[in-house]
Amino acid sequence: MSGTVASTRVAIALIVGALGAMPAEVVAQEGRPTLYQPAISPDGSEIAFVSGGEIWTVPAQGGVARILIAHEADEGAPLYSPDGTRLAFVSNRAGDNDIYVLELESGATIRLTFGDGGEQLEAWSPDGAWVYFSDGRHDPGGHPDIWRIPSAGGTPMKVLADEYSPEFHAAISPDGSTIA
């Protein structure tokens, strides 16, 4: 079993194990919470996940889940930075999906993308300097291309763009030199 699949299964099992400690607003009408898009912190101590359009965290060993990002818009796709100090996520708070970064210690949130096409979060660079995302607004066929943007904000740069062919699910090599 691949490390990613195993990590996702462990994350789901840990989230399910914490269900007894879930606040009532997380529990769906059937009596079971709707939990998805788990992300494990780099040190393995915490799991971020989405429920009800909000991003929550729960200790990896189980415990009480707490809301991390609450907004009237929908948030999703949480992804910890390699050093665990920030959390990138997608939100439609400005209309279309854009990429945001939350500083976990201060709670400050910055908006990285300002597109009108519905960006999807892909990955962090190993050094945390870049956030990779996919977006198809500039592809003649409307297929997603891979972009990167400085994690502190700045101008997005297209890094993979094969016209009329979709690129997504970017995986960055450990040294940051290759994208698969």
Protein backbone atom coordinates (compact mmCIF):
# COMPACT_ATOMS: atom_id res chain seq x y z
CA MET A 1 0.00 0.00 0.00
CA SER A 2 1.38 3.42 -0.91
CA GLY A 3 2.31 5.85 1.86
CA THR A 4 -0.36 8.33 0.77
CA VAL A 5 -3.14 5.72 0.80
CA ALA A 6 -1.97 4.35 4.14
CA SER A 7 -1.76 7.85 5.63
CA THR A 8 -5.26 8.69 4.40
CA ARG A 9 -6.67 5.46 5.86
CA VAL A 10 -4.98 6.15 9.19
CA ALA A 11 -6.32 9.73 9.17
CA ILE A 12 -9.85 8.55 8.47
CA ALA A 13 -9.62 5.88 11.18
CA LEU A 14 -8.39 8.46 13.70
CA ILE A 15 -11.11 10.91 12.77
CA VAL A 16 -13.75 8.20 13.07
CA GLY A 17 -12.28 7.25 16.45
CA ALA A 18 -12.78 10.82 17.65
CA LEU A 19 -16.45 10.92 16.68
CA GLY A 20 -17.65 10.54 20.23
CA ALA A 21 -16.03 13.88 20.99
CA MET A 22 -17.51 15.72 18.01
CA PRO A 23 -19.68 18.77 18.72
CA ALA A 24 -23.34 18.33 17.79
CA GLU A 25 -23.16 20.75 14.84
CA VAL A 26 -20.74 18.41 13.03
CA VAL A 27 -23.08 15.45 13.20
CA ALA A 28 -25.22 14.94 10.10
CA GLN A 29 -28.93 14.23 10.29
CA GLU A 30 -28.33 10.46 10.22
CA GLY A 31 -26.40 10.79 13.47
CA ARG A 32 -23.00 10.40 11.80
CA PRO A 33 -20.71 13.31 10.97
CA THR A 34 -19.82 14.17 7.40
CA LEU A 35 -16.02 14.25 7.42
CA TYR A 36 -13.78 14.49 4.39
CA GLN A 37 -10.47 15.73 2.98
CA PRO A 38 -8.25 14.71 5.95
CA ALA A 39 -4.73 16.15 6.19
CA ILE A 40 -2.18 14.98 8.75
CA SER A 41 0.18 17.56 10.25
CA PRO A 42 3.87 17.00 9.41
CA ASP A 43 4.65 15.91 12.97
CA GLY A 44 1.67 13.54 12.99
CA SER A 45 0.08 15.14 16.06
CA GLU A 46 -3.03 16.62 14.46
CA ILE A 47 -5.50 15.98 11.67
CA ALA A 48 -7.28 18.76 9.81
CA PHE A 49 -10.49 17.82 8.02
CA VAL A 50 -13.58 19.37 6.47
CA SER A 51 -17.09 19.10 7.86
CA GLY A 52 -20.03 21.32 7.03
CA GLY A 53 -17.90 23.55 4.80
CA GLU A 54 -15.59 24.44 7.72
CA ILE A 55 -12.09 23.23 8.55
CA TRP A 56 -11.68 21.40 11.86
CA THR A 57 -8.75 19.81 13.67
CA VAL A 58 -8.58 16.88 16.05
CA PRO A 59 -5.60 15.41 17.92
CA ALA A 60 -4.28 12.41 16.02
CA GLN A 61 -4.58 10.28 19.15
CA GLY A 62 -8.27 11.18 19.44
CA GLY A 63 -10.02 13.83 21.45
CA VAL A 64 -12.27 16.79 20.96
CA ALA A 65 -12.44 18.29 17.48
CA ARG A 66 -12.29 22.08 17.27
CA ILE A 67 -13.18 24.43 14.49
CA LEU A 68 -10.08 25.99 12.96
CA ILE A 69 -11.58 28.01 10.10
CA ALA A 70 -15.19 29.15 10.25
CA HIS A 71 -16.64 31.41 7.59
CA GLU A 72 -20.03 31.76 5.92
CA ALA A 73 -18.39 30.54 2.70
CA ASP A 74 -17.23 26.97 2.09
CA GLU A 75 -13.66 26.02 2.93
CA GLY A 76 -11.93 22.82 1.93
CA ALA A 77 -8.79 20.95 0.92
CA PRO A 78 -6.69 21.73 4.03
CA LEU A 79 -2.97 21.14 3.52
CA TYR A 80 -0.32 21.71 6.18
CA SER A 81 2.91 23.45 5.24
CA PRO A 82 6.01 21.23 5.49
CA ASP A 83 7.03 22.87 8.78
CA GLY A 84 3.48 22.67 10.18
CA THR A 85 3.19 26.39 10.93
CA ARG A 86 0.67 27.20 8.18
CA LEU A 87 -2.36 25.63 6.57
CA ALA A 88 -3.27 26.26 2.94
CA PHE A 89 -6.91 25.79 1.96
CA VAL A 90 -9.45 26.57 -0.73
CA SER A 91 -12.39 28.91 -0.10
CA ASN A 92 -15.17 30.39 -2.17
CA ARG A 93 -15.49 33.40 0.15
CA ALA A 94 -14.75 35.76 -2.77
CA GLY A 95 -17.07 33.96 -5.20
CA ASP A 96 -14.93 31.38 -7.00
CA ASN A 97 -12.48 28.98 -5.36
CA ASP A 98 -9.29 30.76 -4.35
CA ILE A 99 -6.26 29.62 -2.36
CA TYR A 100 -5.67 31.00 1.15
CA VAL A 101 -3.00 30.42 3.79
CA LEU A 102 -3.68 30.48 7.54
CA GLU A 103 -0.82 31.20 9.96
CA LEU A 104 -1.64 28.67 12.69
CA GLU A 105 -0.02 30.57 15.56
CA SER A 106 -1.45 34.03 14.87
CA GLY A 107 -4.67 33.10 13.05
CA ALA A 108 -3.84 35.56 10.24
CA THR A 109 -5.18 34.52 6.85
CA ILE A 110 -3.90 35.73 3.50
CA ARG A 111 -5.49 35.24 0.12
CA LEU A 112 -2.98 33.96 -2.43
CA THR A 113 -5.03 33.77 -5.63
CA PHE A 114 -7.49 36.21 -7.14
CA GLY A 115 -8.60 34.29 -10.21
CA ASP A 116 -12.04 33.81 -11.60
CA GLY A 117 -11.61 30.17 -12.52
CA GLY A 118 -11.85 28.05 -9.40
CA GLU A 119 -8.32 27.13 -8.36
CA GLN A 120 -7.63 23.76 -6.74
CA LEU A 121 -4.89 23.35 -4.12
CA GLU A 122 -2.23 20.83 -5.13
CA ALA A 123 0.89 20.92 -2.92
CA TRP A 124 3.48 22.88 -0.97
CA SER A 125 7.09 23.03 -2.10
CA PRO A 126 9.33 21.06 0.30
CA ASP A 127 10.79 24.30 1.70
CA GLY A 128 7.35 25.92 2.14
CA ALA A 129 8.25 28.81 -0.15
CA TRP A 130 5.67 27.94 -2.84
CA VAL A 131 2.09 26.75 -3.01
CA TYR A 132 1.12 24.80 -6.13
CA PHE A 133 -2.40 24.86 -7.54
CA SER A 134 -4.26 23.92 -10.70
CA ASP A 135 -6.46 26.23 -12.74
CA GLY A 136 -7.79 25.98 -16.28
CA ARG A 137 -8.78 29.57 -17.00
CA HIS A 138 -5.84 30.27 -19.34
CA ASP A 139 -5.85 26.93 -21.18
CA PRO A 140 -7.56 27.14 -24.61
CA GLY A 141 -9.39 23.89 -23.87
CA GLY A 142 -10.26 24.95 -20.31
CA HIS A 143 -8.18 22.09 -18.85
CA PRO A 144 -6.27 22.72 -15.62
CA ASP A 145 -2.62 23.72 -15.73
CA ILE A 146 -0.22 23.66 -12.76
CA TRP A 147 0.77 27.01 -11.27
CA ARG A 148 2.83 28.06 -8.27
CA ILE A 149 2.67 31.17 -6.15
CA PRO A 150 4.90 32.39 -3.31
CA SER A 151 3.37 31.18 -0.04
CA ALA A 152 3.55 34.73 1.36
CA GLY A 153 1.68 36.09 -1.66
CA GLY A 154 2.77 37.38 -5.03
CA THR A 155 2.34 36.68 -8.72
CA PRO A 156 1.32 33.17 -9.83
CA MET A 157 3.59 31.47 -12.36
CA LYS A 158 2.53 28.71 -14.73
CA VAL A 159 4.84 25.69 -14.34
CA LEU A 160 3.07 22.96 -16.36
CA ALA A 161 0.85 23.77 -19.31
CA ASP A 162 0.17 21.34 -22.11
CA GLU A 163 -2.65 22.93 -24.11
CA TYR A 164 -5.80 20.84 -24.34
CA SER A 165 -4.43 18.36 -21.83
CA PRO A 166 -5.28 18.47 -18.12
CA GLU A 167 -2.53 18.66 -15.49
CA PHE A 168 -3.50 18.16 -11.88
CA HIS A 169 -2.58 16.25 -8.68
CA ALA A 170 0.92 17.71 -8.72
CA ALA A 171 3.50 15.88 -6.60
CA ILE A 172 6.68 17.81 -5.90
CA SER A 173 9.94 15.89 -5.50
CA PRO A 174 11.64 16.10 -2.08
CA ASP A 175 14.32 18.42 -3.47
CA GLY A 176 11.70 20.58 -5.23
CA SER A 177 13.28 20.16 -8.67
CA THR A 178 10.69 17.91 -10.33
CA ILE A 179 6.91 17.77 -10.57
CA ALA A 180 5.07 14.55 -11.28
